[in-house]
Amino acid sequence: MMQKLLLWNWRVMTAGAVVGAGLLAIYWKSLPPEVPLLYSRPWGQDQLVSPIFLIVPPIFAVVVGGLLGWLANQSVEEKLLPIIILVSSMVVQVVTILGLIRIVLLVV
C-alpha cells in the first residue's frame, strides 16, 4: 500500500509540474502585465504580481510532493501516518495546480 501511494504521489507531482509548465508555456504571450496571485491580500492592486511569479505554484507543488514523500518514506514504522502524509501531499498538489489553472484561465 505504501509503495503504491509513493508512486501515486510521484505521478501527481510529475503531472502537476508538466501541467503547470505547459499551461504557462502555452499562454505566456497572452498573459497581461500583472496577474492576480496573492489572494490573501486586500482586493485590488495588492493582489497583482508579474506573470513570472506564476511559476511559484508548480515549484511549490513539486517541493511539497518531494518533501512529504520523503517524510512519509522515513516514517515507515507507523501504519497510518505515511498514508495521511501522502494523501495530504497529493491534495495540496492538486489544489495548487487547480488554482494556477483558474488564475491563468481567468486572465486570458
N, C-alpha and C. Protein backbone atom coordinates (compact mmCIF):
# COMPACT_ATOMS: atom_id res chain seq x y z
N MET A 1 0.83 -1.20 0.00
CA MET A 1 0.00 0.00 0.00
C MET A 1 0.87 1.25 0.00
N MET A 2 1.90 1.23 0.81
CA MET A 2 2.77 2.39 0.93
C MET A 2 3.49 2.68 -0.38
N GLN A 3 3.96 1.64 -1.05
CA GLN A 3 4.68 1.84 -2.31
C GLN A 3 3.74 2.38 -3.40
N LYS A 4 2.49 1.93 -3.39
CA LYS A 4 1.53 2.43 -4.36
C LYS A 4 1.26 3.92 -4.14
N LEU A 5 1.12 4.32 -2.88
CA LEU A 5 0.89 5.73 -2.58
C LEU A 5 2.10 6.58 -2.92
N LEU A 6 3.30 6.06 -2.67
CA LEU A 6 4.50 6.79 -3.06
C LEU A 6 4.56 6.97 -4.57
N LEU A 7 4.19 5.94 -5.29
CA LEU A 7 4.17 6.03 -6.75
C LEU A 7 3.12 7.04 -7.22
N TRP A 8 1.95 7.02 -6.60
CA TRP A 8 0.92 7.98 -6.97
C TRP A 8 1.33 9.40 -6.62
N ASN A 9 2.00 9.57 -5.51
CA ASN A 9 2.50 10.90 -5.14
C ASN A 9 3.48 11.39 -6.20
N TRP A 10 4.35 10.51 -6.66
CA TRP A 10 5.31 10.89 -7.69
C TRP A 10 4.59 11.23 -8.99
N ARG A 11 3.56 10.46 -9.34
CA ARG A 11 2.79 10.72 -10.57
C ARG A 11 2.08 12.07 -10.50
N VAL A 12 1.46 12.35 -9.35
CA VAL A 12 0.76 13.62 -9.18
C VAL A 12 1.76 14.77 -9.24
N MET A 13 2.91 14.59 -8.62
CA MET A 13 3.94 15.63 -8.63
C MET A 13 4.43 15.89 -10.05
N THR A 14 4.67 14.85 -10.81
CA THR A 14 5.13 15.00 -12.19
C THR A 14 4.04 15.61 -13.06
N ALA A 15 2.82 15.13 -12.93
CA ALA A 15 1.72 15.67 -13.73
C ALA A 15 1.48 17.14 -13.40
N GLY A 16 1.58 17.50 -12.13
CA GLY A 16 1.40 18.90 -11.74
C GLY A 16 2.47 19.80 -12.34
N ALA A 17 3.71 19.33 -12.33
CA ALA A 17 4.79 20.11 -12.92
C ALA A 17 4.61 20.25 -14.43
N VAL A 18 4.22 19.17 -15.09
CA VAL A 18 4.03 19.21 -16.54
C VAL A 18 2.84 20.10 -16.91
N VAL A 19 1.74 19.96 -16.20
CA VAL A 19 0.56 20.78 -16.48
C VAL A 19 0.85 22.25 -16.20
N GLY A 20 1.49 22.54 -15.08
CA GLY A 20 1.81 23.93 -14.75
C GLY A 20 2.75 24.56 -15.75
N ALA A 21 3.82 23.88 -16.08
CA ALA A 21 4.78 24.42 -17.05
C ALA A 21 4.16 24.51 -18.44
N GLY A 22 3.39 23.51 -18.83
CA GLY A 22 2.74 23.53 -20.14
C GLY A 22 1.72 24.65 -20.26
N LEU A 23 0.95 24.84 -19.23
CA LEU A 23 -0.05 25.91 -19.22
C LEU A 23 0.62 27.28 -19.36
N LEU A 24 1.67 27.48 -18.60
CA LEU A 24 2.39 28.75 -18.69
C LEU A 24 3.06 28.92 -20.05
N ALA A 25 3.60 27.85 -20.61
CA ALA A 25 4.24 27.94 -21.92
C ALA A 25 3.23 28.26 -23.01
N ILE A 26 2.05 27.66 -22.93
CA ILE A 26 1.02 27.89 -23.95
C ILE A 26 0.47 29.31 -23.88
N TYR A 27 0.18 29.79 -22.68
CA TYR A 27 -0.50 31.07 -22.52
C TYR A 27 0.44 32.22 -22.17
N TRP A 28 1.73 32.00 -22.19
CA TRP A 28 2.68 33.03 -21.72
C TRP A 28 2.50 34.35 -22.47
N LYS A 29 2.38 34.32 -23.77
CA LYS A 29 2.28 35.56 -24.57
C LYS A 29 0.93 36.23 -24.39
N SER A 30 -0.07 35.49 -23.94
CA SER A 30 -1.42 36.05 -23.76
C SER A 30 -1.63 36.66 -22.38
N LEU A 31 -0.69 36.44 -21.46
CA LEU A 31 -0.88 36.94 -20.10
C LEU A 31 -0.71 38.45 -20.05
N PRO A 32 -1.53 39.12 -19.24
CA PRO A 32 -1.38 40.57 -19.08
C PRO A 32 -0.13 40.90 -18.27
N PRO A 33 0.25 42.17 -18.19
CA PRO A 33 1.46 42.55 -17.45
C PRO A 33 1.39 42.24 -15.95
N GLU A 34 0.18 42.17 -15.41
CA GLU A 34 0.01 41.82 -14.00
C GLU A 34 -1.13 40.81 -13.88
N VAL A 35 -0.94 39.83 -13.01
CA VAL A 35 -1.95 38.80 -12.79
C VAL A 35 -2.23 38.68 -11.30
N PRO A 36 -3.46 38.29 -10.93
CA PRO A 36 -3.77 38.12 -9.50
C PRO A 36 -3.20 36.80 -8.99
N LEU A 37 -2.44 36.86 -7.94
CA LEU A 37 -1.88 35.64 -7.34
C LEU A 37 -2.01 35.66 -5.83
N LEU A 38 -1.91 36.81 -5.24
CA LEU A 38 -1.87 36.94 -3.78
C LEU A 38 -3.27 37.20 -3.24
N TYR A 39 -4.11 36.16 -3.22
CA TYR A 39 -5.50 36.33 -2.83
C TYR A 39 -5.69 36.60 -1.35
N SER A 40 -4.67 36.41 -0.54
CA SER A 40 -4.81 36.69 0.89
C SER A 40 -4.70 38.19 1.18
N ARG A 41 -4.25 38.95 0.21
CA ARG A 41 -4.14 40.41 0.38
C ARG A 41 -5.47 41.07 0.04
N PRO A 42 -5.64 42.34 0.45
CA PRO A 42 -6.88 43.05 0.13
C PRO A 42 -7.11 43.13 -1.38
N TRP A 43 -8.38 43.21 -1.76
CA TRP A 43 -8.75 43.24 -3.17
C TRP A 43 -8.12 44.45 -3.85
N GLY A 44 -7.68 44.27 -5.07
CA GLY A 44 -7.15 45.38 -5.86
C GLY A 44 -5.70 45.18 -6.22
N GLN A 45 -4.99 46.28 -6.26
CA GLN A 45 -3.60 46.31 -6.73
C GLN A 45 -2.68 45.42 -5.89
N ASP A 46 -2.99 45.23 -4.62
CA ASP A 46 -2.12 44.43 -3.74
C ASP A 46 -2.06 42.96 -4.15
N GLN A 47 -3.06 42.47 -4.86
CA GLN A 47 -3.08 41.06 -5.26
C GLN A 47 -2.30 40.79 -6.53
N LEU A 48 -1.93 41.82 -7.25
CA LEU A 48 -1.34 41.64 -8.57
C LEU A 48 0.17 41.47 -8.50
N VAL A 49 0.68 40.59 -9.35
CA VAL A 49 2.12 40.36 -9.46
C VAL A 49 2.47 40.20 -10.94
N SER A 50 3.73 40.22 -11.23
CA SER A 50 4.21 39.97 -12.58
C SER A 50 3.93 38.50 -12.95
N PRO A 51 3.67 38.22 -14.23
CA PRO A 51 3.39 36.83 -14.63
C PRO A 51 4.52 35.86 -14.34
N ILE A 52 5.74 36.34 -14.17
CA ILE A 52 6.86 35.44 -13.87
C ILE A 52 6.63 34.70 -12.54
N PHE A 53 5.87 35.31 -11.64
CA PHE A 53 5.60 34.68 -10.36
C PHE A 53 4.62 33.52 -10.45
N LEU A 54 4.01 33.32 -11.62
CA LEU A 54 3.12 32.16 -11.78
C LEU A 54 3.89 30.85 -11.82
N ILE A 55 5.19 30.91 -11.87
CA ILE A 55 5.99 29.69 -11.82
C ILE A 55 6.09 29.16 -10.38
N VAL A 56 5.73 30.00 -9.41
CA VAL A 56 5.82 29.61 -8.00
C VAL A 56 4.88 28.46 -7.65
N PRO A 57 3.59 28.46 -8.07
CA PRO A 57 2.73 27.32 -7.70
C PRO A 57 3.22 25.95 -8.18
N PRO A 58 3.68 25.79 -9.43
CA PRO A 58 4.20 24.46 -9.79
C PRO A 58 5.45 24.08 -9.00
N ILE A 59 6.32 25.04 -8.74
CA ILE A 59 7.51 24.75 -7.93
C ILE A 59 7.09 24.35 -6.52
N PHE A 60 6.12 25.07 -5.96
CA PHE A 60 5.62 24.75 -4.62
C PHE A 60 5.04 23.34 -4.59
N ALA A 61 4.26 22.97 -5.63
CA ALA A 61 3.66 21.64 -5.67
C ALA A 61 4.73 20.55 -5.72
N VAL A 62 5.78 20.78 -6.50
CA VAL A 62 6.85 19.79 -6.59
C VAL A 62 7.62 19.68 -5.27
N VAL A 63 7.89 20.81 -4.64
CA VAL A 63 8.61 20.80 -3.36
C VAL A 63 7.79 20.10 -2.29
N VAL A 64 6.50 20.42 -2.22
CA VAL A 64 5.63 19.78 -1.23
C VAL A 64 5.57 18.27 -1.48
N GLY A 65 5.39 17.89 -2.73
CA GLY A 65 5.34 16.46 -3.06
C GLY A 65 6.62 15.74 -2.71
N GLY A 66 7.75 16.36 -3.03
CA GLY A 66 9.04 15.73 -2.73
C GLY A 66 9.31 15.62 -1.24
N LEU A 67 9.09 16.72 -0.53
CA LEU A 67 9.37 16.71 0.92
C LEU A 67 8.43 15.79 1.68
N LEU A 68 7.15 15.85 1.37
CA LEU A 68 6.21 14.99 2.09
C LEU A 68 6.35 13.54 1.68
N GLY A 69 6.74 13.27 0.43
CA GLY A 69 7.04 11.90 0.02
C GLY A 69 8.23 11.35 0.78
N TRP A 70 9.25 12.18 0.91
CA TRP A 70 10.43 11.77 1.68
C TRP A 70 10.06 11.55 3.14
N LEU A 71 9.26 12.45 3.71
CA LEU A 71 8.85 12.33 5.11
C LEU A 71 8.03 11.06 5.34
N ALA A 72 7.13 10.76 4.42
CA ALA A 72 6.33 9.53 4.54
C ALA A 72 7.21 8.30 4.43
N ASN A 73 8.22 8.36 3.59
CA ASN A 73 9.14 7.24 3.43
C ASN A 73 9.99 7.02 4.69
N GLN A 74 10.25 8.09 5.42
CA GLN A 74 11.04 7.99 6.65
C GLN A 74 10.23 7.43 7.82
N SER A 75 8.91 7.54 7.76
CA SER A 75 8.08 7.11 8.88
C SER A 75 7.36 5.79 8.57
N VAL A 76 8.12 4.83 8.08
CA VAL A 76 7.52 3.54 7.70
C VAL A 76 7.16 2.68 8.91
N GLU A 77 7.66 3.01 10.08
CA GLU A 77 7.32 2.22 11.27
C GLU A 77 5.84 2.38 11.60
N GLU A 78 5.32 3.56 11.33
CA GLU A 78 3.90 3.81 11.56
C GLU A 78 3.10 3.20 10.41
N LYS A 79 1.82 2.94 10.65
CA LYS A 79 0.99 2.41 9.58
C LYS A 79 0.11 3.47 8.95
N LEU A 80 -0.47 4.33 9.76
CA LEU A 80 -1.43 5.30 9.26
C LEU A 80 -0.79 6.64 8.88
N LEU A 81 0.25 7.04 9.60
CA LEU A 81 0.86 8.35 9.37
C LEU A 81 1.38 8.54 7.95
N PRO A 82 2.12 7.59 7.36
CA PRO A 82 2.57 7.80 5.98
C PRO A 82 1.42 7.91 4.98
N ILE A 83 0.35 7.20 5.23
CA ILE A 83 -0.81 7.28 4.34
C ILE A 83 -1.42 8.67 4.41
N ILE A 84 -1.57 9.19 5.61
CA ILE A 84 -2.12 10.54 5.79
C ILE A 84 -1.22 11.57 5.15
N ILE A 85 0.08 11.43 5.33
CA ILE A 85 1.03 12.38 4.75
C ILE A 85 0.96 12.36 3.23
N LEU A 86 0.94 11.19 2.63
CA LEU A 86 0.93 11.09 1.17
C LEU A 86 -0.39 11.58 0.57
N VAL A 87 -1.49 11.25 1.19
CA VAL A 87 -2.78 11.72 0.68
C VAL A 87 -2.88 13.24 0.79
N SER A 88 -2.45 13.79 1.92
CA SER A 88 -2.49 15.24 2.07
C SER A 88 -1.53 15.92 1.09
N SER A 89 -0.40 15.30 0.82
CA SER A 89 0.53 15.83 -0.17
C SER A 89 -0.12 15.92 -1.53
N MET A 90 -0.79 14.85 -1.93
CA MET A 90 -1.44 14.86 -3.24
C MET A 90 -2.57 15.88 -3.31
N VAL A 91 -3.31 16.03 -2.22
CA VAL A 91 -4.39 17.02 -2.19
C VAL A 91 -3.83 18.43 -2.34
N VAL A 92 -2.76 18.74 -1.61
CA VAL A 92 -2.14 20.07 -1.70
C VAL A 92 -1.63 20.32 -3.12
N GLN A 93 -1.03 19.33 -3.73
CA GLN A 93 -0.51 19.49 -5.09
C GLN A 93 -1.64 19.75 -6.08
N VAL A 94 -2.71 18.98 -6.00
CA VAL A 94 -3.82 19.13 -6.94
C VAL A 94 -4.49 20.49 -6.75
N VAL A 95 -4.71 20.90 -5.51
CA VAL A 95 -5.34 22.20 -5.26
C VAL A 95 -4.45 23.34 -5.76
N THR A 96 -3.16 23.22 -5.59
CA THR A 96 -2.24 24.25 -6.06
C THR A 96 -2.27 24.37 -7.58
N ILE A 97 -2.24 23.27 -8.28
CA ILE A 97 -2.26 23.31 -9.74
C ILE A 97 -3.62 23.77 -10.25
N LEU A 98 -4.71 23.36 -9.60
CA LEU A 98 -6.03 23.84 -10.00
C LEU A 98 -6.15 25.35 -9.79
N GLY A 99 -5.53 25.86 -8.73
CA GLY A 99 -5.51 27.31 -8.51
C GLY A 99 -4.76 28.02 -9.62
N LEU A 100 -3.65 27.46 -10.05
CA LEU A 100 -2.89 28.05 -11.15
C LEU A 100 -3.72 28.03 -12.43
N ILE A 101 -4.39 26.93 -12.71
CA ILE A 101 -5.24 26.84 -13.90
C ILE A 101 -6.33 27.90 -13.84
N ARG A 102 -6.93 28.07 -12.67
CA ARG A 102 -8.00 29.06 -12.50
C ARG A 102 -7.47 30.47 -12.75
N ILE A 103 -6.31 30.78 -12.24
CA ILE A 103 -5.73 32.11 -12.42
C ILE A 103 -5.44 32.37 -13.89
N VAL A 104 -4.81 31.42 -14.55
CA VAL A 104 -4.43 31.62 -15.96
C VAL A 104 -5.67 31.75 -16.82
N LEU A 105 -6.66 30.90 -16.62
CA LEU A 105 -7.87 30.98 -17.44
C LEU A 105 -8.71 32.21 -17.11
N LEU A 106 -8.55 32.77 -15.92
CA LEU A 106 -9.25 33.98 -15.54
C LEU A 106 -8.72 35.19 -16.30
N VAL A 107 -7.42 35.26 -16.49
CA VAL A 107 -6.83 36.46 -17.08
C VAL A 107 -6.62 36.37 -18.58
N VAL A 108 -6.75 35.18 -19.15
CA VAL A 108 -6.53 35.05 -20.60
C VAL A 108 -7.80 35.34 -21.35
